[in-house]
Amino acid sequence: MTNPFRQGSDDSLQVEPCVLVIFGATGDLTHRKLVPALYNLGVDGLLPANFSLVGFARRDQSDEKFRSGLKEGVSKFSRRKPLDEGIWNEFAEHSFFVSSSFDDADGYERLKSKLDEMDQAAGVRCNRVFYLATAPSFFDTIARCLQQAGLLDEDSQGTGAGRKARLIVEKPFGHNLESAKELNTALLQSAAEHQIFRIDHYLGKETVQNLLVFRFSNGIFEPIWNHKYIDHVEISVCESIGVGGRAGYFDTSGIMRDIVQNHAFQLLCLVAMEPPVAFEADAVRDEKAKVLRSIRRIPLDQVKNDVVRARYQTGSVDGERVQGYLAEDGVNPDSTTETYVAMELSLDNWRWAGVPFYVRAGKRLPKRVTEISVHFKNVPHLLFKGENVQSLRPNILSFQIQPDEGISFKISSKPPGPKVRVQQVNMDFSYGTSFGVDAPEAYERLLLDGMRGDATLFTRNDEIEEAWDLLENVFAAWNPDTGHAPPVFGYEAGSWGPAAADELLLKRIPQGWRRL
């Protein structure tokens, strides 16, 4: 059949006929991110022929009500406005809802019947992608029920490649190393590793993907991408918001589990990894896993020196007075949960020997920004010893992930005038001005890759476990039951964090964190 979504699209991104089933389809993630991303893929002509969407959730509602709710979400949250009624109507016509609890075998039988009915109507055996947009406590249950209903079975019919079944799992993937291993073991009892796609939406961002292109397609940088020329690397994931309505979840996790263990460590991997043998899923993920294994584990008695934790106190953000973390609704007043963390990491390998990697993440900071900055070693000052030597600064290459995606390179230049002076200037690249289009949302790329079966931008089980293993001693040192846990510093909301975070860098380099 003619695909109304594929007019003028890139054939290299062609997707086989597919049904996407979203568990937790009435939740916030579905309406804010997933369905707007699917709609945008439709606008770009990237959805496959015979694409259908099935929502699976406990709420009892009709197909029509489900579609109405999805349309409201797309109209509000899609980056494409106004809504294209033609694209939407085609999308809605192939959207359905199944009402069931996640542990009800009958519900999965109804789902199976619905999917078989859709295959029959389409005249093809559509691939099946199951997206778990639910609380982590349901991951194992849903996977097991899908397996028992035969919905994760893959086959080879006739001369074709056969139907594929894939399982996309949202974070958080575990709470620590032990729980991550248990979840991996449980999922692998229901599905094969090649079927499991563990999602980290940061890997879908354009600038994150561009890190690989930038490093490995520009001959000017790769030769100097090592300890001989790079002094240190800073990775910052900063948010101006507080915990909002997530206080109940956040107070049991903290910023280390919520941001650092997944997002920040994935960014570090892309900066530090060796060139993969091919731009293929396992080749890329092999190199990322090697980076995580090479990071030196912080000894228990060194956690207090290499890791700083803090929580925000009363202050002002964007001119608005905000309360401290302990006063937030849903937060235990005796909580020791951190809303800010800064840490120094060392990689024990040839490329990065002696180069410190600094990672920080925090809430209620002055602005929302995620940035990777690569600080090169300074030049000798001999040539300019009679001039304004103090103005010489190292070159900095920075990748801004959000909110405005782009790359900046800070270099030294002489300003106009008869006197020899040195002044820093920026060479900037931004997606908006360079390409004239908005960068797609992260979920657009990840949903497309999930339907295509390309796992390059998804995390593998060994990556997850290595990342948790890195933090085992940190969590053990922070355990309040030991009686000698390091302090939880305070910082004023709207500031860049506690002074101790700058002191972490001042031990090795002559300045604190780069001001963003």
Protein backbone atom coordinates (compact mmCIF):
# COMPACT_ATOMS: atom_id res chain seq x y z
CA MET A 1 0.00 0.00 0.00
CA THR A 2 1.04 3.62 -0.44
CA ASN A 3 2.54 5.04 2.72
CA PRO A 4 1.07 8.51 3.43
CA PHE A 5 3.90 9.17 5.91
CA ARG A 6 6.79 8.50 3.52
CA GLN A 7 6.50 11.16 0.82
CA GLY A 8 9.95 12.59 0.08
CA SER A 9 11.62 10.72 2.93
CA ASP A 10 15.10 9.18 3.07
CA ASP A 11 14.94 5.55 1.94
CA SER A 12 17.99 4.73 4.10
CA LEU A 13 15.75 5.23 7.13
CA GLN A 14 12.95 3.03 5.84
CA VAL A 15 11.20 1.05 8.55
CA GLU A 16 9.40 -2.25 8.07
CA PRO A 17 5.66 -2.41 8.91
CA CYS A 18 5.38 -2.00 12.65
CA VAL A 19 2.99 -1.83 15.60
CA LEU A 20 4.12 0.15 18.64
CA VAL A 21 2.48 -0.85 21.92
CA ILE A 22 2.91 1.63 24.78
CA PHE A 23 2.41 0.29 28.30
CA GLY A 24 1.42 3.16 30.56
CA ALA A 25 -0.22 4.89 27.61
CA THR A 26 -2.30 7.24 29.74
CA GLY A 27 0.76 8.63 31.52
CA ASP A 28 2.60 11.90 31.21
CA LEU A 29 5.53 10.53 29.18
CA THR A 30 3.20 9.25 26.46
CA HIS A 31 1.36 12.55 26.04
CA ARG A 32 4.33 14.91 26.45
CA LYS A 33 7.05 13.04 24.59
CA LEU A 34 6.23 9.75 22.88
CA VAL A 35 3.15 10.53 20.80
CA PRO A 36 4.31 14.05 19.82
CA ALA A 37 7.56 12.39 18.66
CA LEU A 38 5.62 9.82 16.62
CA TYR A 39 3.50 12.57 15.07
CA ASN A 40 6.65 14.52 14.13
CA LEU A 41 8.07 11.39 12.50
CA GLY A 42 4.84 11.22 10.51
CA VAL A 43 5.23 14.84 9.41
CA ASP A 44 8.80 14.06 8.28
CA GLY A 45 7.62 11.01 6.33
CA LEU A 46 9.57 8.59 8.51
CA LEU A 47 6.83 6.37 9.93
CA PRO A 48 6.57 3.00 8.18
CA ALA A 49 3.72 1.83 5.99
CA ASN A 50 1.12 -0.02 8.02
CA PHE A 51 2.20 1.73 11.20
CA SER A 52 -0.19 1.40 14.13
CA LEU A 53 -0.18 2.47 17.77
CA VAL A 54 -1.76 0.55 20.63
CA GLY A 55 -2.08 1.99 24.13
CA PHE A 56 -2.15 -0.44 27.05
CA ALA A 57 -3.10 0.82 30.51
CA ARG A 58 -5.44 0.17 33.43
CA ARG A 59 -7.75 3.09 32.70
CA ASP A 60 -10.99 2.02 31.02
CA GLN A 61 -11.56 4.11 27.90
CA SER A 62 -12.62 3.79 24.28
CA ASP A 63 -10.42 4.15 21.22
CA GLU A 64 -12.07 7.50 20.53
CA LYS A 65 -11.30 8.87 23.98
CA PHE A 66 -7.73 7.61 23.74
CA ARG A 67 -7.27 9.37 20.40
CA SER A 68 -8.77 12.58 21.76
CA GLY A 69 -6.28 12.62 24.63
CA LEU A 70 -3.38 11.97 22.28
CA LYS A 71 -4.45 14.81 19.99
CA GLU A 72 -4.54 17.18 22.93
CA GLY A 73 -1.00 16.18 23.88
CA VAL A 74 0.31 16.56 20.34
CA SER A 75 -1.35 19.96 19.91
CA LYS A 76 0.27 21.17 23.12
CA PHE A 77 3.70 19.53 23.12
CA SER A 78 4.72 18.89 19.51
CA ARG A 79 7.48 21.14 18.17
CA ARG A 80 5.45 21.27 14.94
CA LYS A 81 2.60 23.79 15.06
CA PRO A 82 -0.12 24.10 13.97
CA LEU A 83 -1.36 20.51 13.86
CA ASP A 84 -1.52 19.05 10.36
CA GLU A 85 -5.04 17.60 10.34
CA GLY A 86 -4.33 15.28 7.42
CA ILE A 87 -1.29 13.68 9.08
CA TRP A 88 -3.09 13.52 12.42
CA ASN A 89 -6.23 11.90 11.04
CA GLU A 90 -4.16 9.18 9.36
CA PHE A 91 -2.27 8.64 12.62
CA ALA A 92 -5.40 8.57 14.77
CA GLU A 93 -7.17 6.13 12.47
CA HIS A 94 -4.48 3.58 13.31
CA SER A 95 -4.39 4.22 17.08
CA PHE A 96 -6.17 1.84 19.47
CA PHE A 97 -6.49 1.17 23.18
CA VAL A 98 -6.52 -1.99 25.31
CA SER A 99 -7.62 -1.68 28.94
CA SER A 100 -5.97 -4.04 31.42
CA SER A 101 -3.84 -4.19 34.52
CA PHE A 102 -0.22 -5.07 33.83
CA ASP A 103 -0.44 -8.49 35.53
CA ASP A 104 -3.70 -9.71 33.98
CA ALA A 105 -3.09 -12.60 31.55
CA ASP A 106 -6.49 -12.01 29.92
CA GLY A 107 -5.42 -8.48 29.02
CA TYR A 108 -2.41 -9.83 27.11
CA GLU A 109 -4.62 -12.30 25.29
CA ARG A 110 -6.86 -9.42 24.22
CA LEU A 111 -3.76 -7.53 23.12
CA LYS A 112 -2.56 -10.52 21.12
CA SER A 113 -5.95 -10.87 19.43
CA LYS A 114 -5.93 -7.17 18.58
CA LEU A 115 -2.45 -7.38 17.06
CA ASP A 116 -3.35 -10.47 15.04
CA GLU A 117 -6.47 -8.69 13.81
CA MET A 118 -4.38 -5.68 12.74
CA ASP A 119 -1.95 -7.94 10.86
CA GLN A 120 -4.83 -9.55 9.03
CA ALA A 121 -6.32 -6.19 8.07
CA ALA A 122 -2.93 -4.93 6.85
CA GLY A 123 -2.10 -8.15 5.00
CA VAL A 124 1.42 -8.28 6.51
CA ARG A 125 3.08 -9.62 9.66
CA CYS A 126 4.04 -6.37 11.35
CA ASN A 127 7.03 -6.13 13.66
CA ARG A 128 6.06 -5.47 17.27
CA VAL A 129 7.72 -2.93 19.53
CA PHE A 130 6.65 -2.86 23.18
CA TYR A 131 7.49 0.38 25.01
CA LEU A 132 7.49 0.17 28.82
CA ALA A 133 6.57 3.73 29.87
CA THR A 134 5.73 2.56 33.38
CA ALA A 135 7.21 2.51 36.87
CA PRO A 136 10.27 0.20 37.03
CA SER A 137 8.43 -2.13 39.40
CA PHE A 138 6.32 -3.28 36.41
CA PHE A 139 9.18 -4.00 33.97
CA ASP A 140 9.66 -7.65 34.92
CA THR A 141 5.91 -8.29 35.18
CA ILE A 142 5.15 -6.88 31.74
CA ALA A 143 8.07 -8.67 30.06
CA ARG A 144 7.10 -11.97 31.65
CA CYS A 145 3.43 -11.62 30.66
CA LEU A 146 4.41 -10.71 27.08
CA GLN A 147 6.62 -13.78 26.90
CA GLN A 148 3.95 -16.07 28.32
CA ALA A 149 1.45 -14.76 25.76
CA GLY A 150 3.93 -15.47 22.95
CA LEU A 151 4.18 -11.80 22.05
CA LEU A 152 7.99 -11.70 22.27
CA ASP A 153 8.40 -14.67 19.94
CA GLU A 154 10.28 -14.00 16.71
CA ASP A 155 9.86 -16.12 13.61
CA SER A 156 10.88 -16.65 10.01
CA GLN A 157 7.93 -17.04 7.71
CA GLY A 158 8.54 -18.06 4.08
CA THR A 159 11.47 -16.32 2.40
CA GLY A 160 11.27 -13.15 4.51
CA ALA A 161 13.27 -12.24 7.57
CA GLY A 162 10.29 -12.92 9.80
CA ARG A 163 8.58 -10.83 12.43
CA LYS A 164 10.70 -9.06 15.01
CA ALA A 165 9.69 -8.28 18.59
CA ARG A 166 11.46 -5.59 20.62
CA LEU A 167 11.20 -4.34 24.18
CA ILE A 168 12.05 -0.68 24.92
CA VAL A 169 12.67 -0.07 28.62
CA GLU A 170 12.67 3.38 30.22
CA LYS A 171 15.00 4.43 33.01
CA PRO A 172 15.64 4.11 35.90
CA PHE A 173 17.20 0.74 35.22
CA GLY A 174 17.84 -0.42 38.74
CA HIS A 175 18.61 1.46 41.94
CA ASN A 176 22.11 0.08 42.47
CA LEU A 177 24.36 -2.63 41.06
CA GLU A 178 22.49 -5.49 42.71
CA SER A 179 19.04 -4.36 41.54
CA ALA A 180 20.33 -3.67 38.01
CA LYS A 181 21.73 -7.21 37.80
CA GLU A 182 18.45 -8.63 39.09
CA LEU A 183 16.45 -6.67 36.50
CA ASN A 184 18.80 -7.66 33.68
CA THR A 185 18.52 -11.31 34.73
CA ALA A 186 14.72 -11.07 34.91
CA LEU A 187 14.35 -9.43 31.49
CA LEU A 188 16.73 -11.90 29.88
CA GLN A 189 14.50 -14.72 31.05
CA SER A 190 11.72 -13.25 28.90
CA ALA A 191 13.62 -11.76 25.95
CA ALA A 192 17.00 -12.07 24.26
CA GLU A 193 19.56 -9.29 24.70
CA HIS A 194 19.17 -8.20 21.05
CA GLN A 195 15.46 -7.59 21.71
CA ILE A 196 15.98 -5.32 24.75
CA PHE A 197 16.46 -1.59 24.10
CA ARG A 198 17.33 0.31 27.30
CA ILE A 199 16.58 3.94 26.57
CA ASP A 200 18.52 7.00 27.71
CA HIS A 201 16.96 9.99 25.98
CA TYR A 202 20.22 11.99 26.15
CA LEU A 203 21.67 9.69 23.50
CA GLY A 204 18.95 10.85 21.10
CA LYS A 205 20.00 14.49 21.24
CA GLU A 206 21.63 15.82 18.07
CA THR A 207 24.75 17.23 19.73
CA VAL A 208 25.35 13.98 21.61
CA GLN A 209 25.29 12.08 18.32
CA ASN A 210 27.41 14.81 16.75
CA LEU A 211 30.17 14.05 19.26
CA LEU A 212 30.92 10.87 17.33
CA VAL A 213 30.81 12.64 13.96
CA PHE A 214 32.91 15.53 15.27
CA ARG A 215 35.58 13.30 16.76
CA PHE A 216 35.91 10.69 14.06
CA SER A 217 35.29 12.64 10.83
CA ASN A 218 37.53 15.65 11.50
CA GLY A 219 41.22 14.81 11.15
CA ILE A 220 42.26 18.00 12.93
CA PHE A 221 41.01 16.92 16.38
CA GLU A 222 41.53 13.18 16.74
CA PRO A 223 45.37 13.41 16.83
CA ILE A 224 45.21 15.78 19.81
CA TRP A 225 42.36 14.00 21.61
CA ASN A 226 44.55 12.60 24.40
CA HIS A 227 46.56 13.30 27.53
CA LYS A 228 49.35 15.06 25.63
CA TYR A 229 47.14 18.00 24.69
CA ILE A 230 44.05 17.90 26.92
CA ASP A 231 44.33 19.19 30.47
CA HIS A 232 40.92 18.19 31.83
CA VAL A 233 37.29 17.64 30.84
CA GLU A 234 34.18 19.04 32.52
CA ILE A 235 30.67 17.63 32.12
CA SER A 236 27.81 19.68 33.56
CA VAL A 237 24.12 18.77 33.71
CA CYS A 238 22.43 21.77 35.31
CA GLU A 239 18.74 22.41 35.94
CA SER A 240 17.03 25.52 37.25
CA ILE A 241 13.92 23.63 38.37
CA GLY A 242 13.46 21.90 41.71
CA VAL A 243 11.95 18.47 42.29
CA GLY A 244 8.39 19.66 41.58
CA GLY A 245 5.89 16.82 41.60
CA ARG A 246 8.65 14.17 41.59
CA ALA A 247 9.63 14.66 45.24
CA GLY A 248 8.43 11.21 46.26
CA TYR A 249 10.59 9.50 43.64
CA PHE A 250 13.52 11.91 43.84
CA ASP A 251 13.91 11.66 47.61
CA THR A 252 14.58 7.94 47.28
CA SER A 253 17.05 8.36 44.41
CA GLY A 254 18.90 11.69 44.42
CA ILE A 255 20.73 13.42 41.60
CA MET A 256 23.48 10.79 41.44
CA ARG A 257 21.02 8.03 40.51
CA ASP A 258 18.67 10.27 38.53
CA ILE A 259 21.22 12.04 36.31
CA VAL A 260 24.86 11.05 36.82
CA GLN A 261 24.67 7.24 36.64
CA ASN A 262 22.98 7.39 33.25
CA HIS A 263 23.04 10.72 31.39
CA ALA A 264 26.39 12.10 32.58
CA PHE A 265 28.25 8.80 32.33
CA GLN A 266 26.95 8.27 28.79
CA LEU A 267 28.28 11.70 27.80
CA LEU A 268 31.63 10.83 29.36
CA CYS A 269 31.75 7.61 27.35
CA LEU A 270 31.25 9.41 24.05
CA VAL A 271 34.02 11.91 24.86
CA ALA A 272 36.51 9.27 26.01
CA MET A 273 35.81 6.21 23.83
CA GLU A 274 38.20 4.80 21.24
CA PRO A 275 37.17 4.74 17.56
CA PRO A 276 34.78 1.81 17.04
CA VAL A 277 35.57 -0.63 14.24
CA ALA A 278 32.26 0.34 12.60
CA PHE A 279 29.32 2.60 13.31
CA GLU A 280 27.25 -0.36 14.43
CA ALA A 281 25.42 -1.02 17.66
CA ASP A 282 27.73 -3.55 19.30
CA ALA A 283 30.93 -1.93 18.02
CA VAL A 284 29.96 1.45 19.54
CA ARG A 285 28.68 -0.09 22.76
CA ASP A 286 31.82 -2.23 23.12
CA GLU A 287 33.93 0.93 23.25
CA LYS A 288 31.60 2.66 25.71
CA ALA A 289 31.74 -0.36 28.02
CA LYS A 290 35.56 -0.27 27.86
CA VAL A 291 35.51 3.36 29.03
CA LEU A 292 33.31 2.52 32.01
CA ARG A 293 35.57 -0.39 32.95
CA SER A 294 38.64 1.85 32.71
CA ILE A 295 37.33 4.45 35.17
CA ARG A 296 39.15 4.03 38.45
CA ARG A 297 36.83 3.00 41.26
CA ILE A 298 36.98 5.51 44.11
CA PRO A 299 38.22 3.81 47.30
CA LEU A 300 35.77 3.97 50.17
CA ASP A 301 38.02 6.21 52.27
CA GLN A 302 38.55 8.61 49.32
CA VAL A 303 34.88 9.32 48.56
CA LYS A 304 34.88 12.33 50.88
CA ASN A 305 37.80 13.81 48.88
CA ASP A 306 36.65 13.03 45.33
CA VAL A 307 32.87 13.48 45.58
CA VAL A 308 30.89 16.49 46.85
CA ARG A 309 27.17 16.26 47.56
CA ALA A 310 24.81 19.07 48.51
CA ARG A 311 21.18 20.16 48.51
CA TYR A 312 19.59 23.48 47.66
CA GLN A 313 18.36 25.87 50.31
CA THR A 314 16.03 28.87 50.11
CA GLY A 315 17.03 31.33 47.41
CA SER A 316 15.97 32.97 44.14
CA VAL A 317 15.89 31.52 40.62
CA ASP A 318 15.06 33.87 37.72
CA GLY A 319 13.93 36.49 40.23
CA GLU A 320 11.49 34.12 41.92
CA ARG A 321 11.89 33.22 45.59
CA VAL A 322 11.96 29.44 46.06
CA GLN A 323 12.02 27.21 49.12
CA GLY A 324 14.75 24.81 50.12
CA TYR A 325 14.71 21.11 49.32
CA LEU A 326 13.74 19.96 52.82
CA ALA A 327 10.66 22.20 52.68
CA GLU A 328 9.39 20.66 49.43
CA ASP A 329 6.14 18.68 49.61
CA GLY A 330 6.82 14.96 49.79
CA VAL A 331 10.40 15.28 51.06
CA ASN A 332 11.38 13.61 54.33
CA PRO A 333 12.48 16.43 56.68
CA ASP A 334 15.35 14.19 57.86
CA SER A 335 16.42 13.41 54.30
CA THR A 336 20.10 13.23 53.34
CA THR A 337 19.27 13.04 49.61
CA GLU A 338 21.52 15.16 47.41
CA THR A 339 20.20 17.60 44.78
CA TYR A 340 23.74 18.43 43.65
CA VAL A 341 26.81 16.31 43.12
CA ALA A 342 30.30 16.99 41.79
CA MET A 343 32.96 14.34 41.36
CA GLU A 344 36.44 13.79 39.97
CA LEU A 345 37.08 10.65 37.91
CA SER A 346 40.27 9.16 36.49
CA LEU A 347 40.56 6.84 33.50
CA ASP A 348 43.26 4.20 33.69
CA ASN A 349 44.07 3.82 30.00
CA TRP A 350 46.70 5.01 27.54
CA ARG A 351 44.71 7.87 25.99
CA TRP A 352 43.56 9.55 29.18
CA ALA A 353 46.34 8.83 31.71
CA GLY A 354 46.56 11.77 34.11
CA VAL A 355 43.58 13.68 32.65
CA PRO A 356 40.92 14.33 35.31
CA PHE A 357 37.27 14.18 34.27
CA TYR A 358 34.96 16.35 36.37
CA VAL A 359 31.24 15.63 36.44
CA ARG A 360 28.56 17.75 38.11
CA ALA A 361 24.79 17.75 38.14
CA GLY A 362 22.35 19.80 40.14
CA LYS A 363 18.92 21.31 40.60
CA ARG A 364 17.94 24.91 41.39
CA LEU A 365 21.04 26.26 39.66
CA PRO A 366 20.95 29.62 37.84
CA LYS A 367 19.92 28.16 34.48
CA ARG A 368 19.18 24.99 32.56
CA VAL A 369 22.21 23.94 30.58
CA THR A 370 24.01 20.71 29.74
CA GLU A 371 27.56 21.12 28.46
CA ILE A 372 30.73 19.17 27.84
CA SER A 373 33.87 21.32 27.86
CA VAL A 374 37.27 20.00 26.79
CA HIS A 375 40.06 22.16 28.24
CA PHE A 376 43.33 21.99 26.34
CA LYS A 377 46.72 22.54 27.93
CA ASN A 378 48.01 26.08 27.89
CA VAL A 379 50.82 27.23 25.61
CA PRO A 380 54.21 28.33 27.01
CA HIS A 381 54.20 32.04 27.82
CA LEU A 382 57.75 32.69 26.60
CA LEU A 383 56.75 34.37 23.34
CA PHE A 384 54.54 36.88 25.17
CA LYS A 385 56.58 37.32 28.33
CA GLY A 386 56.92 41.05 27.74
CA GLU A 387 53.25 41.49 26.91
CA ASN A 388 49.98 40.95 28.73
CA VAL A 389 50.83 37.40 29.77
CA GLN A 390 48.05 37.08 32.32
CA SER A 391 45.47 37.30 29.54
CA LEU A 392 46.59 34.02 27.95
CA ARG A 393 43.99 31.35 28.51
CA PRO A 394 43.77 27.74 27.38
CA ASN A 395 41.66 26.78 24.38
CA ILE A 396 38.26 25.32 25.30
CA LEU A 397 36.08 23.20 23.04
CA SER A 398 32.52 23.01 24.36
CA PHE A 399 29.50 20.99 23.27
CA GLN A 400 26.19 22.39 24.46
CA ILE A 401 23.56 19.66 24.64
CA GLN A 402 20.67 21.78 25.91
CA PRO A 403 18.82 24.06 25.70
CA ASP A 404 20.48 25.39 22.52
CA GLU A 405 22.39 22.64 20.77
CA GLY A 406 25.73 23.66 19.31
CA ILE A 407 29.53 23.66 19.51
CA SER A 408 31.87 26.47 20.55
CA PHE A 409 35.66 26.72 20.30
CA LYS A 410 37.41 29.36 22.40
CA ILE A 411 40.69 30.61 20.90
CA SER A 412 43.09 33.49 21.52
CA SER A 413 43.26 36.41 19.09
CA LYS A 414 44.74 39.91 18.88
CA PRO A 415 42.17 42.72 19.09
CA PRO A 416 42.63 45.76 16.81
CA GLY A 417 45.18 48.38 17.85
CA PRO A 418 48.91 49.05 17.88
CA LYS A 419 49.61 47.18 21.12
CA VAL A 420 50.11 43.42 21.10
CA ARG A 421 47.38 42.05 23.30
CA VAL A 422 45.70 38.69 23.57
CA GLN A 423 41.95 38.31 23.86
CA GLN A 424 39.74 35.23 23.80
CA VAL A 425 37.10 34.91 21.10
CA ASN A 426 34.56 32.19 20.29
CA MET A 427 34.05 30.26 17.09
CA ASP A 428 30.42 29.15 17.37
CA PHE A 429 28.23 26.67 15.56
CA SER A 430 24.54 26.22 16.34
CA TYR A 431 22.02 23.90 14.75
CA GLY A 432 19.35 26.57 14.41
CA THR A 433 21.47 29.06 12.44
CA SER A 434 23.68 26.61 10.51
CA PHE A 435 21.01 24.26 9.20
CA GLY A 436 17.97 26.53 9.34
CA VAL A 437 15.83 23.86 11.03
CA ASP A 438 15.07 22.91 14.58
CA ALA A 439 16.86 19.84 15.85
CA PRO A 440 14.43 16.93 16.26
CA GLU A 441 13.45 15.86 19.75
CA ALA A 442 15.53 13.05 21.24
CA TYR A 443 12.58 10.66 21.37
CA GLU A 444 12.01 11.05 17.64
CA ARG A 445 15.40 9.54 16.83
CA LEU A 446 15.18 6.86 19.52
CA LEU A 447 11.67 5.73 18.57
CA LEU A 448 12.70 5.57 14.93
CA ASP A 449 15.80 3.52 15.79
CA GLY A 450 13.75 1.24 18.03
CA MET A 451 11.36 0.52 15.17
CA ARG A 452 14.30 -0.03 12.82
CA GLY A 453 16.01 -2.34 15.30
CA ASP A 454 19.15 -0.17 15.50
CA ALA A 455 20.45 -0.37 19.09
CA THR A 456 23.46 1.95 18.63
CA LEU A 457 21.97 4.74 20.77
CA PHE A 458 20.59 2.38 23.43
CA THR A 459 22.53 1.08 26.42
CA ARG A 460 23.55 -2.55 26.77
CA ASN A 461 23.32 -4.61 29.96
CA ASP A 462 27.08 -4.53 30.64
CA GLU A 463 27.13 -0.72 30.29
CA ILE A 464 24.36 -0.41 32.86
CA GLU A 465 26.09 -2.68 35.34
CA GLU A 466 29.51 -1.04 34.93
CA ALA A 467 27.98 2.39 35.54
CA TRP A 468 26.34 1.18 38.75
CA ASP A 469 29.53 -0.58 39.84
CA LEU A 470 31.36 2.75 39.57
CA LEU A 471 29.14 4.18 42.31
CA GLU A 472 29.04 1.27 44.76
CA ASN A 473 31.64 2.77 47.09
CA VAL A 474 30.06 6.21 46.85
CA PHE A 475 26.69 4.93 48.02
CA ALA A 476 28.34 2.85 50.73
CA ALA A 477 30.23 5.91 52.02
CA TRP A 478 27.04 7.99 51.98
CA ASN A 479 25.10 5.47 54.05
CA PRO A 480 24.00 7.40 57.18
CA ASP A 481 24.01 4.19 59.20
CA THR A 482 27.82 4.11 59.14
CA GLY A 483 27.94 7.12 61.46
CA HIS A 484 30.78 8.74 59.52
CA ALA A 485 29.20 9.65 56.18
CA PRO A 486 30.61 12.81 54.55
CA PRO A 487 28.52 15.98 54.93
CA VAL A 488 25.65 17.11 52.73
CA PHE A 489 26.61 20.71 51.97
CA GLY A 490 24.06 23.44 51.44
CA TYR A 491 23.92 25.88 48.54
CA GLU A 492 21.59 28.78 47.91
CA ALA A 493 19.01 28.14 45.19
CA GLY A 494 20.03 30.19 42.16
CA SER A 495 23.77 29.76 42.85
CA TRP A 496 26.18 27.40 41.06
CA GLY A 497 26.49 25.05 44.02
CA PRO A 498 28.62 24.80 47.15
CA ALA A 499 32.15 26.20 47.45
CA ALA A 500 33.37 22.65 48.05
CA ALA A 501 32.57 21.83 44.41
CA ASP A 502 35.02 24.48 43.16
CA GLU A 503 37.59 23.31 45.69
CA LEU A 504 37.39 19.87 44.12
CA LEU A 505 38.89 21.33 40.93
CA LEU A 506 41.24 23.78 42.64
CA LYS A 507 43.23 20.85 44.00
CA ARG A 508 44.37 20.03 40.44
CA ILE A 509 43.80 23.07 38.22
CA PRO A 510 44.06 26.83 38.83
CA GLN A 511 40.33 27.60 38.62
CA GLY A 512 36.99 26.21 39.65
CA TRP A 513 34.14 25.09 37.43
CA ARG A 514 33.68 26.82 34.10
CA ARG A 515 30.91 29.42 34.37
CA LEU A 516 28.09 28.59 32.00
